[in-house]
Structures are given as structure tokens and as C-alpha cells.
N, C-alpha and C. Protein backbone atom coordinates (compact mmCIF):
# COMPACT_ATOMS: atom_id res chain seq x y z
N MET A 1 0.95 -1.21 0.24
CA MET A 1 0.03 0.02 -0.09
C MET A 1 0.84 1.14 -0.21
N SER A 2 0.90 2.29 -0.92
CA SER A 2 1.73 3.26 -0.83
C SER A 2 0.53 4.54 -0.45
N LEU A 3 1.45 5.13 0.13
CA LEU A 3 0.90 6.42 1.23
C LEU A 3 1.53 7.44 0.50
N PRO A 4 0.63 8.80 0.59
CA PRO A 4 1.36 9.97 0.24
C PRO A 4 1.96 10.79 1.76
N ALA A 5 2.81 11.22 1.46
CA ALA A 5 3.50 11.60 2.59
C ALA A 5 2.79 12.74 3.71
N SER A 6 1.71 13.16 2.70
CA SER A 6 0.57 14.42 3.30
C SER A 6 -0.31 13.65 4.14
N LEU A 7 -0.66 12.37 4.33
CA LEU A 7 -1.56 11.85 4.93
C LEU A 7 -1.74 11.98 6.27
N SER A 8 -2.75 12.19 6.64
CA SER A 8 -2.72 12.19 8.30
C SER A 8 -3.16 11.31 9.14
N VAL A 9 -3.35 10.93 10.25
CA VAL A 9 -3.07 10.08 11.02
C VAL A 9 -4.67 9.14 10.94
N GLU A 10 -5.47 10.33 10.80
CA GLU A 10 -6.68 9.93 11.02
C GLU A 10 -6.90 9.21 9.18
N LYS A 11 -6.84 9.27 8.55
CA LYS A 11 -6.93 8.88 7.31
C LYS A 11 -6.16 7.50 7.12
N LEU A 12 -5.00 7.48 7.44
CA LEU A 12 -4.51 6.36 7.91
C LEU A 12 -5.15 5.17 8.29
N PHE A 13 -5.75 5.79 9.38
CA PHE A 13 -6.68 4.47 10.23
C PHE A 13 -7.75 4.22 9.72
N GLN A 14 -8.45 5.23 8.99
CA GLN A 14 -8.93 4.77 8.17
C GLN A 14 -9.02 4.00 6.55
N LYS A 15 -7.77 4.21 6.44
CA LYS A 15 -6.90 3.11 5.53
C LYS A 15 -6.99 1.66 5.85
N ILE A 16 -5.86 1.63 6.86
CA ILE A 16 -5.70 0.85 7.47
C ILE A 16 -6.79 -0.21 8.19
N THR A 17 -7.75 0.45 8.73
CA THR A 17 -8.97 -0.15 9.72
C THR A 17 -9.50 -1.46 8.78
N PRO A 18 -10.07 -1.70 7.76
CA PRO A 18 -10.45 -2.66 7.22
C PRO A 18 -9.61 -4.18 7.05
N VAL A 19 -8.28 -3.83 6.53
CA VAL A 19 -7.18 -4.66 6.64
C VAL A 19 -6.90 -5.13 8.03
N ALA A 20 -6.66 -4.36 8.88
CA ALA A 20 -6.42 -5.15 10.35
C ALA A 20 -7.55 -6.16 10.72
N LEU A 21 -8.57 -5.11 10.72
CA LEU A 21 -9.92 -6.23 11.33
C LEU A 21 -9.98 -7.54 10.49
N ARG A 22 -9.81 -7.29 9.16
CA ARG A 22 -10.27 -8.35 8.44
C ARG A 22 -9.00 -10.00 8.80
N GLU A 23 -7.40 -9.23 9.41
CA GLU A 23 -7.00 -10.17 9.42
C GLU A 23 -6.78 -11.01 10.97
N ALA A 24 -7.35 -9.72 11.78
CA ALA A 24 -7.42 -10.11 13.29
C ALA A 24 -8.68 -11.02 13.31
N GLU A 25 -9.65 -11.04 12.31
CA GLU A 25 -10.99 -11.80 13.11
C GLU A 25 -10.32 -13.01 12.00
N THR A 26 -9.54 -13.45 10.90
CA THR A 26 -8.90 -14.35 10.96
C THR A 26 -8.28 -15.11 11.87
N ILE A 27 -7.68 -14.48 12.81
CA ILE A 27 -6.64 -15.40 13.60
C ILE A 27 -7.26 -15.50 14.69
N VAL A 28 -8.25 -14.99 15.27
CA VAL A 28 -9.04 -14.76 16.74
C VAL A 28 -9.80 -16.11 16.10
N ALA A 29 -10.57 -16.19 15.14
CA ALA A 29 -11.43 -17.04 14.48
C ALA A 29 -10.43 -18.82 14.56
N ALA A 30 -9.14 -18.74 14.05
CA ALA A 30 -8.40 -19.87 14.30
C ALA A 30 -8.16 -20.41 15.36
N MET A 31 -7.83 -19.13 16.78
CA MET A 31 -7.72 -19.42 18.09
C MET A 31 -9.09 -19.93 18.63
N VAL A 32 -9.99 -19.93 18.17
CA VAL A 32 -11.32 -20.04 18.68
C VAL A 32 -11.70 -21.47 18.07
N GLU A 33 -10.99 -21.97 17.16
CA GLU A 33 -11.37 -23.08 16.27
C GLU A 33 -10.28 -24.46 17.01
N ASP A 34 -9.05 -23.71 17.52
CA ASP A 34 -8.20 -24.41 18.20
C ASP A 34 -8.78 -24.76 19.82
N LEU A 35 -9.09 -23.76 19.96
CA LEU A 35 -9.92 -23.93 21.82
C LEU A 35 -10.96 -24.91 21.63
N GLU A 36 -12.05 -24.44 20.72
CA GLU A 36 -13.39 -24.82 21.07
C GLU A 36 -13.18 -26.26 20.14
N GLY A 37 -12.78 -26.21 18.79
CA GLY A 37 -12.95 -27.75 18.37
C GLY A 37 -13.34 -27.07 16.88
N GLU A 38 -13.80 -26.68 16.87
CA GLU A 38 -15.13 -26.45 15.47
C GLU A 38 -14.63 -24.67 15.17
N ARG A 39 -15.24 -24.28 14.25
CA ARG A 39 -14.64 -22.52 13.56
C ARG A 39 -16.09 -22.25 13.80
N ARG A 40 -16.41 -21.12 14.30
CA ARG A 40 -17.51 -20.05 14.33
C ARG A 40 -17.31 -18.77 13.89
N GLU A 41 -17.81 -18.09 13.76
CA GLU A 41 -17.73 -16.37 13.23
C GLU A 41 -17.53 -15.56 14.48
N VAL A 42 -16.82 -14.76 14.53
CA VAL A 42 -16.06 -14.17 15.60
C VAL A 42 -16.42 -11.99 15.11
N ASP A 43 -16.49 -11.58 16.19
CA ASP A 43 -16.59 -10.28 15.58
C ASP A 43 -16.36 -9.55 16.35
N LEU A 44 -15.02 -8.74 16.22
CA LEU A 44 -14.60 -7.69 16.80
C LEU A 44 -14.62 -6.23 16.31
N ASP A 45 -14.24 -5.40 17.42
CA ASP A 45 -14.18 -3.76 16.68
C ASP A 45 -12.93 -3.48 17.03
N ILE A 46 -12.27 -2.25 16.73
CA ILE A 46 -11.23 -1.80 16.25
C ILE A 46 -11.68 -0.33 17.02
N HIS A 47 -10.87 0.21 18.30
CA HIS A 47 -11.20 1.66 18.33
C HIS A 47 -9.71 2.49 18.22
N GLN A 48 -10.08 3.42 18.12
CA GLN A 48 -8.50 4.09 17.95
C GLN A 48 -7.96 4.70 19.32
N GLY A 49 -8.59 4.47 20.68
CA GLY A 49 -8.01 4.70 21.88
C GLY A 49 -9.21 4.51 22.77
N PRO A 50 -8.52 4.48 23.83
CA PRO A 50 -9.39 4.51 25.28
C PRO A 50 -10.59 5.18 25.33
N SER A 51 -10.69 6.56 24.56
CA SER A 51 -11.50 7.73 24.84
C SER A 51 -12.96 6.96 23.47
N SER A 52 -12.22 5.69 22.75
CA SER A 52 -13.56 5.93 22.05
C SER A 52 -14.29 4.55 22.24
N LEU A 53 -13.84 3.73 23.27
CA LEU A 53 -14.69 2.32 23.85
C LEU A 53 -15.83 3.02 24.56
């Protein structure tokens, strides 16, 4: 992913959030499968910081 030098942190966060969320859900689903013995859908939320919780 190429990013322009003038990209703000907010725009960067918006750009990488979907990619990070997909990867995290894949990893957590695999962990759940290892622990529970079957695969199931997981639902994760990404927050910018403690104030957005």
C-alpha cells in the first residue's frame, strides 16, 4: 500500500482499519477453533483509543 506523505493519522487509520480487522478476525477465529474444536464467526471492533470505547 503506497501512502502519500501528506496523509493524516486519521486518514491512515481509516485506510488500514478494514485490513487490520480482517486479519485479526482470521487469527481469532483460528484460535477459537483450536480451543473449541470447531470454527465459528467472531465479531471484533477496532477503537482508536480508550476514549472511543
